[in-house]
Amino acid sequence: MVILALAILAVASERPNILWLSCEDMGPHLGFCGYSGVRTPHLDALAKKSTHFRKVWSHAPVCAPSRTGIILARHA
């Protein structure tokens, strides 16, 4: 039983730590995107330690269907 518990803990620690942020109508106006007009120090610090996808596309032209498609993993 102890060996099984240790094995489960070992596997659990190997899983990635994922944080998904979803915001409305932000666009690229963030410091870590190269924009200097707005200060975003906390998002900049998070982006330094994260994976940031710069070349992406959306299957919908507006926020709600696009976000729903991501959440449900289906086309809206």
C-alpha atoms as a PDB file:
ATOM      1  CA  MET A   1       0.000   0.000   0.000  1.00  0.00           C
ATOM      2  CA  VAL A   2       2.830   2.418   0.856  1.00  0.00           C
ATOM      3  CA  ILE A   3       4.602   1.613  -2.421  1.00  0.00           C
ATOM      4  CA  LEU A   4       1.408   2.333  -4.355  1.00  0.00           C
ATOM      5  CA  ALA A   5       0.986   5.672  -2.563  1.00  0.00           C
ATOM      6  CA  LEU A   6       4.596   6.634  -3.321  1.00  0.00           C
ATOM      7  CA  ALA A   7       4.135   5.669  -6.969  1.00  0.00           C
ATOM      8  CA  ILE A   8       1.014   7.825  -7.215  1.00  0.00           C
ATOM      9  CA  LEU A   9       2.835  10.782  -5.656  1.00  0.00           C
ATOM     10  CA  ALA A  10       5.743  10.347  -8.068  1.00  0.00           C
ATOM     11  CA  VAL A  11       3.419  10.360 -11.088  1.00  0.00           C
ATOM     12  CA  ALA A  12       1.427  13.319  -9.761  1.00  0.00           C
ATOM     13  CA  SER A  13       4.565  15.428  -9.366  1.00  0.00           C
ATOM     14  CA  GLU A  14       5.530  14.861 -13.020  1.00  0.00           C
ATOM     15  CA  ARG A  15       2.315  16.383 -14.359  1.00  0.00           C
ATOM     16  CA  PRO A  16       2.632  19.943 -15.676  1.00  0.00           C
ATOM     17  CA  ASN A  17       1.219  22.840 -13.719  1.00  0.00           C
ATOM     18  CA  ILE A  18      -1.224  24.542 -16.108  1.00  0.00           C
ATOM     19  CA  LEU A  19      -2.859  27.933 -15.609  1.00  0.00           C
ATOM     20  CA  TRP A  20      -5.173  29.074 -18.366  1.00  0.00           C
ATOM     21  CA  LEU A  21      -6.086  32.766 -18.450  1.00  0.00           C
ATOM     22  CA  SER A  22      -9.001  33.907 -20.563  1.00  0.00           C
ATOM     23  CA  CYS A  23      -9.807  37.614 -20.902  1.00  0.00           C
ATOM     24  CA  GLU A  24     -12.251  39.646 -22.955  1.00  0.00           C
ATOM     25  CA  ASP A  25     -11.074  41.809 -25.863  1.00  0.00           C
ATOM     26  CA  MET A  26      -7.517  42.400 -24.662  1.00  0.00           C
ATOM     27  CA  GLY A  27      -5.597  42.222 -27.896  1.00  0.00           C
ATOM     28  CA  PRO A  28      -1.802  42.440 -27.871  1.00  0.00           C
ATOM     29  CA  HIS A  29      -1.685  45.564 -25.661  1.00  0.00           C
ATOM     30  CA  LEU A  30       0.455  43.953 -22.956  1.00  0.00           C
ATOM     31  CA  GLY A  31       4.031  44.534 -21.870  1.00  0.00           C
ATOM     32  CA  PHE A  32       5.207  41.011 -22.664  1.00  0.00           C
ATOM     33  CA  CYS A  33       3.827  41.407 -26.198  1.00  0.00           C
ATOM     34  CA  GLY A  34       6.108  44.394 -26.752  1.00  0.00           C
ATOM     35  CA  TYR A  35       3.549  47.136 -26.102  1.00  0.00           C
ATOM     36  CA  SER A  36       4.866  49.979 -23.944  1.00  0.00           C
ATOM     37  CA  GLY A  37       1.680  52.057 -23.639  1.00  0.00           C
ATOM     38  CA  VAL A  38       0.319  50.069 -20.688  1.00  0.00           C
ATOM     39  CA  ARG A  39       2.229  48.708 -17.692  1.00  0.00           C
ATOM     40  CA  THR A  40       1.443  45.066 -16.913  1.00  0.00           C
ATOM     41  CA  PRO A  41       4.198  44.046 -14.455  1.00  0.00           C
ATOM     42  CA  HIS A  42       2.429  41.035 -12.963  1.00  0.00           C
ATOM     43  CA  LEU A  43       1.480  39.567 -16.335  1.00  0.00           C
ATOM     44  CA  ASP A  44       5.008  40.318 -17.600  1.00  0.00           C
ATOM     45  CA  ALA A  45       6.514  38.396 -14.665  1.00  0.00           C
ATOM     46  CA  LEU A  46       4.146  35.472 -15.252  1.00  0.00           C
ATOM     47  CA  ALA A  47       4.951  35.465 -18.980  1.00  0.00           C
ATOM     48  CA  LYS A  48       8.703  35.256 -18.276  1.00  0.00           C
ATOM     49  CA  LYS A  49       8.161  31.911 -16.538  1.00  0.00           C
ATOM     50  CA  SER A  50       5.540  30.633 -18.980  1.00  0.00           C
ATOM     51  CA  THR A  51       4.954  29.453 -22.511  1.00  0.00           C
ATOM     52  CA  HIS A  52       3.529  32.222 -24.646  1.00  0.00           C
ATOM     53  CA  PHE A  53       2.060  31.281 -28.025  1.00  0.00           C
ATOM     54  CA  ARG A  54       2.638  34.157 -30.452  1.00  0.00           C
ATOM     55  CA  LYS A  55       1.381  32.654 -33.717  1.00  0.00           C
ATOM     56  CA  VAL A  56      -2.146  31.433 -33.042  1.00  0.00           C
ATOM     57  CA  TRP A  57      -5.529  31.602 -34.712  1.00  0.00           C
ATOM     58  CA  SER A  58      -9.139  31.317 -33.648  1.00  0.00           C
ATOM     59  CA  HIS A  59     -11.959  29.395 -35.262  1.00  0.00           C
ATOM     60  CA  ALA A  60     -14.450  32.198 -34.527  1.00  0.00           C
ATOM     61  CA  PRO A  61     -14.283  35.942 -35.239  1.00  0.00           C
ATOM     62  CA  VAL A  62     -15.696  36.999 -31.844  1.00  0.00           C
ATOM     63  CA  CYS A  63     -14.854  36.176 -28.211  1.00  0.00           C
ATOM     64  CA  ALA A  64     -17.796  34.108 -26.936  1.00  0.00           C
ATOM     65  CA  PRO A  65     -17.844  31.306 -29.545  1.00  0.00           C
ATOM     66  CA  SER A  66     -14.057  31.154 -29.588  1.00  0.00           C
ATOM     67  CA  ARG A  67     -13.827  30.866 -25.791  1.00  0.00           C
ATOM     68  CA  THR A  68     -16.639  28.289 -25.722  1.00  0.00           C
ATOM     69  CA  GLY A  69     -14.845  26.215 -28.341  1.00  0.00           C
ATOM     70  CA  ILE A  70     -11.664  26.202 -26.263  1.00  0.00           C
ATOM     71  CA  ILE A  71     -13.468  25.304 -23.039  1.00  0.00           C
ATOM     72  CA  LEU A  72     -15.553  22.510 -24.601  1.00  0.00           C
ATOM     73  CA  ALA A  73     -12.911  21.395 -27.142  1.00  0.00           C
ATOM     74  CA  ARG A  74     -15.550  21.617 -29.884  1.00  0.00           C
ATOM     75  CA  HIS A  75     -16.427  23.980 -32.707  1.00  0.00           C
ATOM     76  CA  ALA A  76     -18.964  26.584 -31.648  1.00  0.00           C
END
